[in-house]
Amino acid sequence: MVLSMLLSLGAVIGGTEGIKQAQRKSKREEHRSRKNNLIVHCPKSSQYSPYLEGRRIVLSGDKLYVDTGTEYNVPFGHTFAGYYLAYPESRFNGLVSTITDEAPIMNWIYVHKETYELKFGTRQFSEGNLTGPFDCTRQDRRLTFGGWEGFVVVKEGDFWALYFDRDGDQLRSKVAEGTPVIEVELFRKEIRVKPPPPPPEDPPQAKEGGQPAAQGVKNDAVADDAAEKEAALREAALKEAVLKEAVQKEVAEKEAALKEAMKKQASRRESFKRESVKKERARKTRSADVISKFPTYAGVKAGG
């Protein structure tokens, strides 16, 4: 009875501790669901390092490039703004990014299976290519793919395209001989928090009828604002659902392990009981054999 109570108490404490550990782990890995930019670092010095160092990764066309634009007001592609997300029907994390500032539309980032270019697109385009696992180093949170860092940039005319050197041979079989191929590291940098937009000013009143002027413009602004808020809510709900699913999965795994341990312990107790009964029966059998072999002794003992 006491043993059962202790086991039950241990199960409750173990389950609670498992939930707490899962929550702490989720909090530590919260950064994985935040939008980040990717910043280029050249670990080896070269004539191209000053040109590439500290630049951001951008999306243009259907590929990822280094933002080497020099015009302040002229954007070069869309700045990568992404986070990790479980790839559908797989056991690893993929990588997604926004593709426009006008709407929160996300695309998958993937490595082309033949050219090793880093590209982006909907799930339809990513399927059949190398979609993960994407991860990051524990300390500096540099981007990794397949468990290691093999990112390089390749000079394509006036631009630098992002590749993954999957074979570790500086893309010898993928690009023309003599093409500059530079090893890079990609640091994840959390996106700067922008100030909220100012509240819209009240439009001037029309002279006739006291009706507000430009009512249609105001209605459009309100509708756009509502659409942005709704999109932000959907994105937040998606992140929360992914995080909740991860916590529930880890808790379920710990509970299953605990149940399995209790099952094994119960099996050991049952085996111990059976062994004890077996030994007791064997002892009684041996005693009966001794008495049958020495009846005189048995009679003396019976007579006192």
Protein backbone atom coordinates (compact mmCIF):
# COMPACT_ATOMS: atom_id res chain seq x y z
CA MET A 1 0.00 0.00 0.00
CA VAL A 2 2.77 2.41 0.99
CA LEU A 3 4.78 1.42 -2.07
CA SER A 4 1.80 2.08 -4.35
CA MET A 5 1.29 5.52 -2.81
CA LEU A 6 4.96 6.36 -3.26
CA LEU A 7 4.85 5.23 -6.89
CA SER A 8 1.73 7.30 -7.55
CA LEU A 9 3.31 10.34 -5.94
CA GLY A 10 6.46 9.83 -8.02
CA ALA A 11 4.39 9.62 -11.19
CA VAL A 12 2.61 12.90 -10.40
CA ILE A 13 5.86 14.67 -9.55
CA GLY A 14 7.55 13.25 -12.65
CA GLY A 15 4.72 14.37 -14.91
CA THR A 16 4.71 17.88 -13.43
CA GLU A 17 8.48 18.15 -13.78
CA GLY A 18 8.25 16.97 -17.38
CA ILE A 19 5.73 19.70 -18.19
CA LYS A 20 7.93 22.34 -16.52
CA GLN A 21 10.99 21.17 -18.45
CA ALA A 22 9.04 21.29 -21.72
CA GLN A 23 7.87 24.82 -20.93
CA ARG A 24 11.43 25.94 -20.10
CA LYS A 25 12.72 24.40 -23.33
CA SER A 26 9.97 26.11 -25.32
CA LYS A 27 10.90 29.46 -23.77
CA ARG A 28 14.59 28.93 -24.58
CA GLU A 29 13.74 28.11 -28.18
CA GLU A 30 11.20 30.88 -28.59
CA HIS A 31 13.72 32.71 -30.81
CA ARG A 32 13.18 30.03 -33.46
CA SER A 33 9.70 31.34 -34.20
CA ARG A 34 10.73 35.01 -34.40
CA LYS A 35 11.44 36.66 -37.73
CA ASN A 36 15.14 37.15 -38.40
CA ASN A 37 17.33 38.63 -41.11
CA LEU A 38 20.38 36.71 -42.37
CA ILE A 39 23.70 38.58 -42.21
CA VAL A 40 26.76 37.47 -44.20
CA HIS A 41 30.14 36.91 -42.53
CA CYS A 42 33.27 35.87 -44.44
CA PRO A 43 35.41 33.62 -42.18
CA LYS A 44 38.32 33.78 -44.66
CA SER A 45 39.81 37.02 -45.94
CA SER A 46 39.81 37.59 -49.68
CA GLN A 47 39.60 40.43 -52.17
CA TYR A 48 35.80 40.06 -52.02
CA SER A 49 35.42 40.05 -48.22
CA PRO A 50 35.00 43.85 -47.77
CA TYR A 51 32.33 43.80 -50.47
CA LEU A 52 30.33 40.96 -48.85
CA GLU A 53 30.93 41.34 -45.11
CA GLY A 54 27.88 42.42 -43.09
CA ARG A 55 25.52 42.34 -46.06
CA ARG A 56 21.98 41.00 -45.79
CA ILE A 57 20.47 38.11 -47.70
CA VAL A 58 17.61 39.08 -50.01
CA LEU A 59 15.03 37.27 -52.14
CA SER A 60 14.82 38.16 -55.82
CA GLY A 61 13.22 36.27 -58.69
CA ASP A 62 13.16 32.80 -57.17
CA LYS A 63 16.66 32.78 -55.60
CA LEU A 64 18.53 34.11 -52.58
CA TYR A 65 21.28 36.71 -53.11
CA VAL A 66 23.62 38.92 -51.12
CA ASP A 67 22.33 42.50 -51.01
CA THR A 68 25.21 44.30 -52.71
CA GLY A 69 23.14 47.29 -53.81
CA THR A 70 24.66 50.70 -53.09
CA GLU A 71 21.66 52.96 -53.66
CA TYR A 72 20.05 53.95 -50.35
CA ASN A 73 16.52 54.36 -51.71
CA VAL A 74 16.62 51.60 -54.32
CA PRO A 75 15.84 48.18 -52.82
CA PHE A 76 17.63 45.14 -54.18
CA GLY A 77 15.10 42.33 -53.78
CA HIS A 78 13.12 41.62 -50.62
CA THR A 79 15.12 41.28 -47.40
CA PHE A 80 14.95 37.78 -45.94
CA ALA A 81 12.63 37.86 -42.92
CA GLY A 82 11.99 34.32 -41.77
CA TYR A 83 11.91 31.70 -39.06
CA TYR A 84 11.88 27.93 -38.56
CA LEU A 85 8.69 26.00 -39.21
CA ALA A 86 8.00 22.26 -39.27
CA TYR A 87 7.94 21.11 -42.87
CA PRO A 88 4.67 19.32 -43.73
CA GLU A 89 4.71 15.51 -43.51
CA SER A 90 8.28 15.40 -42.22
CA ARG A 91 10.13 15.16 -38.91
CA PHE A 92 12.39 18.17 -39.38
CA ASN A 93 12.19 21.95 -39.41
CA GLY A 94 12.04 23.86 -42.64
CA LEU A 95 12.71 27.57 -43.16
CA VAL A 96 10.17 30.15 -44.31
CA SER A 97 10.44 33.83 -45.21
CA THR A 98 8.17 36.66 -46.20
CA ILE A 99 8.37 37.57 -49.88
CA THR A 100 6.82 41.04 -49.74
CA ASP A 101 6.28 43.88 -47.27
CA GLU A 102 2.72 44.49 -48.45
CA ALA A 103 1.23 41.24 -47.10
CA PRO A 104 2.45 38.48 -44.74
CA ILE A 105 2.87 35.88 -47.50
CA MET A 106 5.39 33.17 -46.60
CA ASN A 107 7.41 30.91 -48.92
CA TRP A 108 9.58 27.90 -48.19
CA ILE A 109 13.36 28.20 -48.50
CA TYR A 110 15.01 25.14 -50.06
CA VAL A 111 18.21 23.89 -51.70
CA HIS A 112 17.76 22.87 -55.33
CA LYS A 113 18.56 19.16 -55.55
CA GLU A 114 20.68 19.49 -58.71
CA THR A 115 22.24 22.97 -58.73
CA TYR A 116 22.52 23.43 -54.90
CA GLU A 117 21.16 26.98 -55.26
CA LEU A 118 19.12 28.35 -52.36
CA LYS A 119 15.70 29.19 -53.73
CA PHE A 120 12.24 30.05 -52.45
CA GLY A 121 8.72 29.16 -53.45
CA THR A 122 5.45 27.60 -52.40
CA ARG A 123 5.29 24.00 -51.23
CA GLN A 124 4.60 22.92 -54.80
CA PHE A 125 8.03 24.22 -55.88
CA SER A 126 9.91 23.04 -52.77
CA GLU A 127 8.72 19.42 -52.93
CA GLY A 128 11.26 17.09 -54.49
CA ASN A 129 14.13 19.37 -53.46
CA LEU A 130 16.17 19.61 -50.23
CA THR A 131 13.88 21.28 -47.69
CA GLY A 132 15.75 20.59 -44.46
CA PRO A 133 16.56 20.12 -41.73
CA PHE A 134 17.34 23.79 -41.13
CA ASP A 135 18.69 24.66 -37.70
CA CYS A 136 21.17 26.98 -35.97
CA THR A 137 24.28 26.72 -33.83
CA ARG A 138 23.57 26.87 -30.10
CA GLN A 139 25.79 29.82 -29.17
CA ASP A 140 26.00 32.21 -32.11
CA ARG A 141 22.79 30.96 -33.74
CA ARG A 142 24.32 30.73 -37.18
CA LEU A 143 22.19 29.05 -39.82
CA THR A 144 22.86 25.38 -40.54
CA PHE A 145 21.48 22.95 -43.10
CA GLY A 146 21.59 19.20 -42.68
CA GLY A 147 23.46 19.64 -39.39
CA TRP A 148 26.41 21.69 -40.70
CA GLU A 149 27.44 24.99 -42.30
CA GLY A 150 28.28 24.71 -45.97
CA PHE A 151 26.98 27.99 -47.34
CA VAL A 152 28.88 29.73 -50.13
CA VAL A 153 28.17 32.66 -52.44
CA VAL A 154 28.88 32.49 -56.16
CA LYS A 155 29.56 35.48 -58.40
CA GLU A 156 26.98 35.56 -61.19
CA GLY A 157 27.67 38.63 -63.28
CA ASP A 158 27.23 41.65 -61.00
CA PHE A 159 25.42 39.62 -58.33
CA TRP A 160 26.32 37.09 -55.64
CA ALA A 161 23.94 34.11 -55.37
CA LEU A 162 23.66 31.91 -52.28
CA TYR A 163 24.46 28.18 -52.60
CA PHE A 164 25.02 25.22 -50.27
CA ASP A 165 28.23 23.30 -50.95
CA ARG A 166 26.68 19.92 -50.26
CA ASP A 167 29.58 17.90 -51.69
CA GLY A 168 32.25 19.99 -49.96
CA ASP A 169 34.19 20.57 -53.18
CA GLN A 170 33.59 24.31 -53.70
CA LEU A 171 30.84 23.47 -56.22
CA ARG A 172 33.45 22.14 -58.63
CA SER A 173 30.84 20.23 -60.63
CA LYS A 174 28.15 22.93 -60.41
CA VAL A 175 29.76 26.16 -61.64
CA ALA A 176 32.17 27.03 -64.43
CA GLU A 177 35.89 26.81 -63.73
CA GLY A 178 37.33 30.11 -62.50
CA THR A 179 34.02 31.33 -61.03
CA PRO A 180 34.59 32.96 -57.61
CA VAL A 181 33.08 30.77 -54.85
CA ILE A 182 33.37 32.32 -51.37
CA GLU A 183 32.67 30.47 -48.11
CA VAL A 184 30.29 32.40 -45.83
CA GLU A 185 28.54 32.08 -42.49
CA LEU A 186 24.96 33.29 -42.05
CA PHE A 187 24.14 34.95 -38.75
CA ARG A 188 20.51 35.21 -37.68
CA LYS A 189 19.71 38.76 -36.55
CA GLU A 190 16.36 39.56 -35.00
CA ILE A 191 14.40 42.10 -36.99
CA ARG A 192 14.39 45.63 -35.60
CA VAL A 193 11.12 46.58 -33.94
CA LYS A 194 9.56 49.42 -35.91
CA PRO A 195 7.45 52.19 -34.34
CA PRO A 196 3.69 51.83 -34.74
CA PRO A 197 2.13 53.90 -37.53
CA PRO A 198 0.61 57.24 -36.45
CA PRO A 199 -3.17 57.34 -36.05
CA PRO A 200 -4.99 58.63 -39.13
CA GLU A 201 -6.02 62.26 -39.05
CA ASP A 202 -9.70 63.17 -39.21
CA PRO A 203 -10.54 64.33 -42.75
CA PRO A 204 -11.92 67.86 -43.23
CA GLN A 205 -15.69 68.22 -43.26
CA ALA A 206 -17.45 69.00 -46.51
CA LYS A 207 -19.36 72.24 -46.66
CA GLU A 208 -22.62 70.74 -47.86
CA GLY A 209 -24.51 68.44 -45.54
CA GLY A 210 -21.68 68.25 -43.00
CA GLN A 211 -20.49 64.92 -44.48
CA PRO A 212 -16.77 64.07 -44.14
CA ALA A 213 -14.68 64.54 -47.28
CA ALA A 214 -12.79 61.66 -48.86
CA GLN A 215 -14.93 59.13 -47.01
CA GLY A 216 -13.96 56.45 -49.49
CA VAL A 217 -10.26 56.98 -48.78
CA LYS A 218 -10.85 56.70 -45.04
CA ASN A 219 -12.86 53.51 -45.47
CA ASP A 220 -10.08 52.02 -47.58
CA ALA A 221 -7.50 52.90 -44.91
CA VAL A 222 -9.65 51.30 -42.20
CA ALA A 223 -10.11 48.18 -44.32
CA ASP A 224 -6.37 47.93 -45.00
CA ASP A 225 -5.61 48.33 -41.30
CA ALA A 226 -8.13 45.64 -40.40
CA ALA A 227 -6.65 43.30 -43.02
CA GLU A 228 -3.13 43.84 -41.65
CA LYS A 229 -4.29 43.15 -38.10
CA GLU A 230 -6.13 40.01 -39.19
CA ALA A 231 -3.06 38.75 -41.06
CA ALA A 232 -0.86 39.44 -38.02
CA LEU A 233 -3.30 37.54 -35.81
CA ARG A 234 -3.27 34.58 -38.19
CA GLU A 235 0.51 34.52 -38.20
CA ALA A 236 0.65 34.73 -34.39
CA ALA A 237 -1.92 31.94 -34.11
CA LEU A 238 0.17 29.77 -36.44
CA LYS A 239 3.31 30.29 -34.35
CA GLU A 240 1.41 29.57 -31.12
CA ALA A 241 -0.06 26.39 -32.59
CA VAL A 242 3.38 25.14 -33.67
CA LEU A 243 4.86 25.92 -30.24
CA LYS A 244 1.92 24.29 -28.44
CA GLU A 245 2.21 21.19 -30.58
CA ALA A 246 5.92 20.89 -29.76
CA VAL A 247 5.23 21.20 -26.01
CA GLN A 248 2.41 18.67 -26.14
CA LYS A 249 4.56 16.24 -28.10
CA GLU A 250 7.41 16.45 -25.59
CA VAL A 251 5.05 16.07 -22.61
CA ALA A 252 3.40 13.06 -24.28
CA GLU A 253 6.79 11.45 -24.85
CA LYS A 254 7.78 11.95 -21.20
CA GLU A 255 4.43 10.57 -19.99
CA ALA A 256 4.82 7.54 -22.26
CA ALA A 257 8.33 6.93 -20.92
CA LEU A 258 7.03 7.23 -17.35
CA LYS A 259 4.21 4.76 -18.01
CA GLU A 260 6.66 2.34 -19.58
CA ALA A 261 8.94 2.60 -16.52
CA MET A 262 6.01 1.98 -14.16
CA LYS A 263 4.92 -0.98 -16.29
CA LYS A 264 8.40 -2.50 -16.07
CA GLN A 265 8.48 -1.93 -12.31
CA ALA A 266 5.09 -3.62 -11.89
CA SER A 267 6.33 -6.52 -13.99
CA ARG A 268 9.42 -6.86 -11.79
CA ARG A 269 7.25 -6.86 -8.64
CA GLU A 270 5.03 -9.57 -10.12
CA SER A 271 8.06 -11.64 -11.05
CA PHE A 272 9.43 -11.22 -7.52
CA LYS A 273 6.12 -12.42 -6.04
CA ARG A 274 6.03 -15.47 -8.29
CA GLU A 275 9.63 -16.28 -7.44
CA SER A 276 8.89 -15.95 -3.70
CA VAL A 277 5.89 -18.28 -3.96
CA LYS A 278 7.96 -20.74 -5.95
CA LYS A 279 10.75 -20.71 -3.34
CA GLU A 280 8.26 -21.17 -0.49
CA ARG A 281 6.70 -24.16 -2.22
CA ALA A 282 10.14 -25.64 -2.81
CA ARG A 283 11.02 -25.16 0.87
CA LYS A 284 7.84 -26.90 2.01
CA THR A 285 8.49 -29.74 -0.42
CA ARG A 286 12.00 -30.22 0.93
CA SER A 287 10.68 -30.24 4.52
CA ALA A 288 8.09 -32.88 3.62
CA ASP A 289 10.79 -35.01 1.99
CA VAL A 290 12.97 -34.84 5.11
CA ILE A 291 10.07 -35.88 7.37
CA SER A 292 9.18 -38.79 5.10
CA LYS A 293 12.79 -40.03 5.17
CA PHE A 294 13.12 -39.83 8.96
CA PRO A 295 9.77 -41.00 10.43
CA THR A 296 11.29 -41.67 13.88
CA TYR A 297 12.42 -38.09 14.10
CA ALA A 298 9.00 -37.01 12.93
CA GLY A 299 7.34 -39.13 15.64
CA VAL A 300 9.58 -37.78 18.37
CA LYS A 301 8.90 -34.28 17.25
CA ALA A 302 5.18 -34.95 17.09
CA GLY A 303 5.17 -36.50 20.57
CA GLY A 304 6.96 -33.59 22.08
